[in-house]
Amino acid sequence: MARIFYYLIIKPLSFLPMWALYVLSDLLYLIMRCGLTYREKVVFSNLSLAFPDKSHEEIRAIAWKFYRHFCDLLAESVRLFSISKEEAIARFKVVNPEVLDALALQSKSALLVGGHYNNWELFAVATAPQIPHQLLGIYTPLTNAFFEKKFSESRSKFGLVLVPKKMVKETFERYRNHLTVTTFAIDQSPRKSQKVYWTRFLGQDTAVHFGAEKYAKDYHYAVVYGSARKVKRGHYELRFELIEANAPETHEGAITEQMTHLLEQQIHESPEYWLWTHKRWKLKKP
């Protein structure tokens, strides 16, 4: 069934120009406005927790802006199965590559941290050709073997090396003597069994993965925040911000606090571009 769905629907749609895919996005958005909204309870619950001072009408306005962007995100993700390198870079530009260029001149690898904000799928496809380092992306493999293969091929076709979560430590060792940038998503909810760092995020006690800070210190990597901004429909800019060049010299939690704060700033500026369908606060602070 997955194979049929891919070859009869997803792949043919991916050859359509973006304007045609946006027509489908508009139709999907209208369907949602008619009552078939995806994970509506989770979205409104998250928004209400994050913005307790906003009225119900203000929360609804943010939610519908989010769903408008979410539909576009789905359309843009379909296009990635057939997008060219030139189009990908034109749609997702690195505006200050000199931040990573300077680290490369020092033969220094880095961790690139950020959240599920704007179009992270386009980031995965378009970033590798625009930086001097080898880009490594940590991800959770899909359970469906066919779609796992197709999504991996799409994401890695322009240079990204995908790293399954279970192989992170092994991959760091393998690339120890290579010039790399490894991406970490910092807004996923950790499991109870994982080491977490507790902080305040969007007004909530929040468990944050501690892996980025730990690996930065263990391997003496720089830590860079990647901030994606939506310029217009289908076009984004990625800006790098150096958080820490010498991670081992920092106090425990300092890097994690800073990168969480930067993501929070982004969300407050334009909340509609964060992934509100994700159950962020599943863990409760002891």
Protein backbone atom coordinates (compact mmCIF):
# COMPACT_ATOMS: atom_id res chain seq x y z
CA MET A 1 0.00 0.00 0.00
CA ALA A 2 2.83 2.43 0.86
CA ARG A 3 4.50 1.73 -2.49
CA ILE A 4 1.26 2.35 -4.39
CA PHE A 5 0.55 5.57 -2.47
CA TYR A 6 4.05 6.86 -3.20
CA TYR A 7 4.19 6.06 -6.93
CA LEU A 8 0.58 6.98 -7.75
CA ILE A 9 0.17 10.09 -5.59
CA ILE A 10 3.25 11.52 -3.87
CA LYS A 11 5.81 11.15 -6.64
CA PRO A 12 3.56 12.50 -9.46
CA LEU A 13 2.53 15.44 -7.25
CA SER A 14 6.18 16.23 -6.55
CA PHE A 15 6.70 17.13 -10.23
CA LEU A 16 4.05 19.88 -10.06
CA PRO A 17 5.24 23.49 -9.84
CA MET A 18 4.88 25.06 -6.41
CA TRP A 19 1.99 27.29 -7.46
CA ALA A 20 -0.04 24.16 -8.28
CA LEU A 21 0.90 22.51 -4.99
CA TYR A 22 -0.17 25.67 -3.18
CA VAL A 23 -3.61 25.32 -4.77
CA LEU A 24 -3.81 21.91 -3.09
CA SER A 25 -2.56 23.49 0.13
CA ASP A 26 -5.36 26.07 -0.07
CA LEU A 27 -7.93 23.30 -0.57
CA LEU A 28 -6.59 21.36 2.39
CA TYR A 29 -6.77 24.48 4.52
CA LEU A 30 -10.40 25.04 3.53
CA ILE A 31 -11.17 21.44 4.52
CA MET A 32 -9.62 22.09 7.93
CA ARG A 33 -11.67 25.28 8.31
CA CYS A 34 -14.76 23.17 7.65
CA GLY A 35 -14.08 21.04 10.70
CA LEU A 36 -11.53 18.36 9.80
CA THR A 37 -8.68 19.92 11.79
CA TYR A 38 -5.55 17.89 12.53
CA ARG A 39 -4.82 17.43 16.27
CA GLU A 40 -6.90 20.46 17.16
CA LYS A 41 -7.03 19.70 20.90
CA VAL A 42 -3.25 19.41 21.13
CA VAL A 43 -2.70 22.65 19.20
CA PHE A 44 -5.13 24.70 21.30
CA SER A 45 -3.90 23.16 24.54
CA ASN A 46 -0.26 23.98 23.70
CA LEU A 47 -1.11 27.54 22.64
CA SER A 48 -3.16 28.15 25.77
CA LEU A 49 -0.30 26.97 27.98
CA ALA A 50 2.30 29.02 26.10
CA PHE A 51 0.22 32.22 25.96
CA PRO A 52 -1.97 32.32 29.08
CA ASP A 53 -2.46 36.10 28.77
CA LYS A 54 -4.03 35.86 25.31
CA SER A 55 -7.78 35.70 24.82
CA HIS A 56 -9.57 32.76 23.24
CA GLU A 57 -9.98 34.77 20.04
CA GLU A 58 -6.25 35.55 19.93
CA ILE A 59 -5.39 31.88 20.46
CA ARG A 60 -7.73 30.89 17.63
CA ALA A 61 -6.13 33.46 15.33
CA ILE A 62 -2.64 32.03 15.99
CA ALA A 63 -3.96 28.50 15.53
CA TRP A 64 -5.42 29.23 12.11
CA LYS A 65 -2.24 30.98 11.02
CA PHE A 66 -0.39 27.85 12.12
CA TYR A 67 -2.69 25.58 10.11
CA ARG A 68 -2.26 27.86 7.08
CA HIS A 69 1.51 27.42 7.34
CA PHE A 70 1.17 23.72 8.16
CA CYS A 71 -0.71 23.06 4.90
CA ASP A 72 2.01 24.89 2.97
CA LEU A 73 4.62 22.83 4.82
CA LEU A 74 2.98 19.62 3.58
CA ALA A 75 2.89 20.92 0.00
CA GLU A 76 6.53 22.02 0.12
CA SER A 77 7.56 18.67 1.59
CA VAL A 78 5.94 16.82 -1.32
CA ARG A 79 7.91 18.98 -3.78
CA LEU A 80 11.18 17.89 -2.15
CA PHE A 81 10.94 14.41 -3.68
CA SER A 82 11.71 15.93 -7.11
CA ILE A 83 13.27 19.32 -6.31
CA SER A 84 16.58 20.29 -7.92
CA LYS A 85 19.58 21.47 -5.91
CA GLU A 86 19.31 24.94 -7.47
CA GLU A 87 15.65 25.33 -6.53
CA ALA A 88 16.24 24.03 -3.00
CA ILE A 89 19.01 26.56 -2.37
CA ALA A 90 16.95 29.37 -3.90
CA ARG A 91 14.09 28.55 -1.52
CA PHE A 92 16.22 28.08 1.61
CA LYS A 93 19.23 30.41 1.62
CA VAL A 94 21.99 30.59 4.20
CA VAL A 95 22.41 34.34 4.68
CA ASN A 96 25.56 34.41 6.85
CA PRO A 97 27.77 31.45 5.90
CA GLU A 98 30.77 33.28 7.34
CA VAL A 99 29.90 31.95 10.81
CA LEU A 100 30.65 28.37 9.75
CA ASP A 101 33.38 29.49 7.35
CA ALA A 102 35.30 30.93 10.32
CA LEU A 103 34.97 27.66 12.25
CA ALA A 104 36.12 25.72 9.19
CA LEU A 105 39.26 27.84 8.96
CA GLN A 106 40.01 26.75 12.53
CA SER A 107 39.32 23.11 11.57
CA LYS A 108 36.55 23.16 14.16
CA SER A 109 33.41 21.06 13.96
CA ALA A 110 30.09 22.25 15.35
CA LEU A 111 26.65 21.27 16.54
CA LEU A 112 23.81 23.10 14.81
CA VAL A 113 20.80 23.33 17.12
CA GLY A 114 17.28 24.50 16.44
CA GLY A 115 13.63 23.57 16.64
CA HIS A 116 10.80 22.40 14.40
CA TYR A 117 10.26 25.92 13.18
CA ASN A 118 9.36 26.98 9.63
CA ASN A 119 10.41 24.28 7.13
CA TRP A 120 12.88 21.84 8.68
CA GLU A 121 12.46 19.37 5.79
CA LEU A 122 13.66 21.98 3.29
CA PHE A 123 16.50 22.78 5.68
CA ALA A 124 17.59 19.12 5.54
CA VAL A 125 17.72 19.17 1.74
CA ALA A 126 19.14 22.65 1.06
CA THR A 127 21.73 23.34 3.77
CA ALA A 128 24.51 20.84 3.04
CA PRO A 129 25.60 22.42 -0.30
CA GLN A 130 25.86 25.86 1.33
CA ILE A 131 28.29 25.12 4.17
CA PRO A 132 31.97 24.02 4.25
CA HIS A 133 31.37 21.20 6.74
CA GLN A 134 29.91 17.75 6.17
CA LEU A 135 26.33 18.01 7.44
CA LEU A 136 25.08 15.19 9.67
CA GLY A 137 21.41 14.99 10.63
CA ILE A 138 20.19 13.04 13.65
CA TYR A 139 16.71 11.65 13.05
CA THR A 140 14.19 9.00 14.09
CA PRO A 141 13.74 6.36 11.34
CA LEU A 142 10.20 5.70 10.14
CA THR A 143 8.61 2.38 11.02
CA ASN A 144 7.51 1.76 7.43
CA ALA A 145 10.57 0.41 5.61
CA PHE A 146 9.52 1.65 2.16
CA PHE A 147 8.82 5.24 3.26
CA GLU A 148 11.96 5.21 5.41
CA LYS A 149 13.99 4.44 2.27
CA LYS A 150 12.26 7.10 0.15
CA PHE A 151 12.41 9.85 2.77
CA SER A 152 16.07 9.08 3.47
CA GLU A 153 16.91 9.24 -0.24
CA SER A 154 15.10 12.57 -0.58
CA ARG A 155 16.68 14.20 2.48
CA SER A 156 20.22 13.06 1.72
CA LYS A 157 20.38 13.61 -2.05
CA PHE A 158 22.39 16.87 -1.82
CA GLY A 159 24.96 15.85 0.78
CA LEU A 160 23.26 15.38 4.16
CA VAL A 161 24.35 12.21 6.03
CA LEU A 162 21.46 10.86 8.09
CA VAL A 163 22.25 9.47 11.54
CA PRO A 164 19.65 7.25 13.24
CA LYS A 165 19.22 8.11 16.91
CA LYS A 166 20.58 4.74 17.99
CA MET A 167 23.86 5.38 16.14
CA VAL A 168 24.69 8.88 17.44
CA LYS A 169 27.61 7.91 19.67
CA GLU A 170 29.04 5.57 17.03
CA THR A 171 28.78 8.31 14.38
CA PHE A 172 30.54 10.90 16.53
CA GLU A 173 33.42 8.48 16.92
CA ARG A 174 33.50 7.68 13.21
CA TYR A 175 33.64 11.37 12.24
CA ARG A 176 35.89 12.47 15.11
CA ASN A 177 38.68 13.56 12.73
CA HIS A 178 36.38 15.02 10.06
CA LEU A 179 35.04 18.56 9.71
CA THR A 180 31.34 18.19 10.50
CA VAL A 181 28.22 20.04 11.51
CA THR A 182 25.73 17.81 13.33
CA THR A 183 22.11 18.93 13.69
CA PHE A 184 20.18 18.55 16.94
CA ALA A 185 16.44 19.23 17.26
CA ILE A 186 16.06 20.71 20.72
CA ASP A 187 12.26 20.82 21.04
CA GLN A 188 11.36 17.13 21.12
CA SER A 189 9.92 15.67 24.31
CA PRO A 190 12.43 13.29 25.95
CA ARG A 191 11.53 9.86 27.28
CA LYS A 192 11.55 9.18 31.02
CA SER A 193 14.59 6.94 30.61
CA GLN A 194 16.73 9.69 29.07
CA LYS A 195 18.89 12.22 30.90
CA VAL A 196 17.09 15.54 30.75
CA TYR A 197 17.72 19.12 31.76
CA TRP A 198 14.82 21.00 33.34
CA THR A 199 14.26 24.61 32.36
CA ARG A 200 11.45 27.10 31.77
CA PHE A 201 10.24 27.17 28.17
CA LEU A 202 7.17 29.10 27.03
CA GLY A 203 6.19 29.54 30.66
CA GLN A 204 6.28 25.81 31.45
CA ASP A 205 8.64 23.56 33.38
CA THR A 206 10.15 21.72 30.42
CA ALA A 207 12.39 18.68 30.08
CA VAL A 208 15.03 19.32 27.41
CA HIS A 209 17.40 16.81 25.82
CA PHE A 210 20.89 17.27 27.26
CA GLY A 211 22.66 15.49 24.38
CA ALA A 212 23.69 18.57 22.39
CA GLU A 213 25.52 20.15 25.31
CA LYS A 214 27.06 16.83 26.37
CA TYR A 215 28.46 16.01 22.93
CA ALA A 216 29.70 19.57 22.43
CA LYS A 217 31.72 19.27 25.63
CA ASP A 218 32.90 15.70 25.06
CA TYR A 219 34.18 16.42 21.53
CA HIS A 220 35.12 20.11 21.97
CA TYR A 221 32.65 21.23 19.29
CA ALA A 222 31.30 24.73 18.82
CA VAL A 223 27.55 25.22 19.25
CA VAL A 224 25.64 27.24 16.67
CA TYR A 225 21.95 28.12 16.63
CA GLY A 226 20.13 27.95 13.29
CA SER A 227 17.31 30.46 12.97
CA ALA A 228 15.00 30.03 9.96
CA ARG A 229 12.88 32.99 8.86
CA LYS A 230 10.03 32.84 6.36
CA VAL A 231 10.59 35.56 3.76
CA LYS A 232 7.50 34.79 1.71
CA ARG A 233 5.49 31.76 0.70
CA GLY A 234 7.93 28.97 -0.13
CA HIS A 235 11.07 31.00 0.60
CA TYR A 236 13.16 30.97 3.77
CA GLU A 237 16.42 32.35 5.12
CA LEU A 238 18.69 30.51 7.53
CA ARG A 239 20.84 32.58 9.88
CA PHE A 240 23.59 31.15 12.09
CA GLU A 241 24.33 32.46 15.58
CA LEU A 242 27.38 31.24 17.49
CA ILE A 243 26.29 30.22 20.99
CA GLU A 244 29.60 28.88 22.25
CA ALA A 245 33.00 28.26 20.67
CA ASN A 246 34.53 26.50 23.69
CA ALA A 247 31.83 24.29 25.15
CA PRO A 248 34.00 22.51 27.78
CA GLU A 249 34.65 25.85 29.49
CA THR A 250 30.98 26.56 30.21
CA HIS A 251 28.97 25.79 33.32
CA GLU A 252 26.57 22.84 33.15
CA GLY A 253 23.29 23.89 31.60
CA ALA A 254 24.51 27.21 30.21
CA ILE A 255 24.46 26.07 26.56
CA THR A 256 21.11 24.31 26.94
CA GLU A 257 19.58 27.40 28.56
CA GLN A 258 20.84 29.66 25.78
CA MET A 259 19.66 27.55 22.87
CA THR A 260 16.24 27.05 24.50
CA HIS A 261 15.97 30.80 25.04
CA LEU A 262 16.76 31.50 21.38
CA LEU A 263 14.03 29.12 20.22
CA GLU A 264 11.58 30.70 22.64
CA GLN A 265 12.41 34.13 21.20
CA GLN A 266 11.62 32.89 17.70
CA ILE A 267 8.31 31.45 18.79
CA HIS A 268 7.25 34.65 20.55
CA GLU A 269 8.08 36.69 17.45
CA SER A 270 6.05 34.51 15.04
CA PRO A 271 4.30 31.68 16.91
CA GLU A 272 2.47 30.35 13.85
CA TYR A 273 5.65 28.80 12.45
CA TRP A 274 6.37 26.37 15.32
CA LEU A 275 5.04 22.80 15.28
CA TRP A 276 2.17 23.08 17.77
CA THR A 277 0.82 19.60 16.96
CA HIS A 278 3.69 18.08 18.96
CA LYS A 279 2.94 17.06 22.57
CA ARG A 280 5.81 19.00 24.09
CA TRP A 281 5.03 18.77 27.80
CA LYS A 282 4.43 15.05 28.31
CA LEU A 283 6.97 14.81 31.13
CA LYS A 284 6.17 16.46 34.45
CA LYS A 285 8.91 17.86 36.65
CA PRO A 286 9.47 15.75 39.77
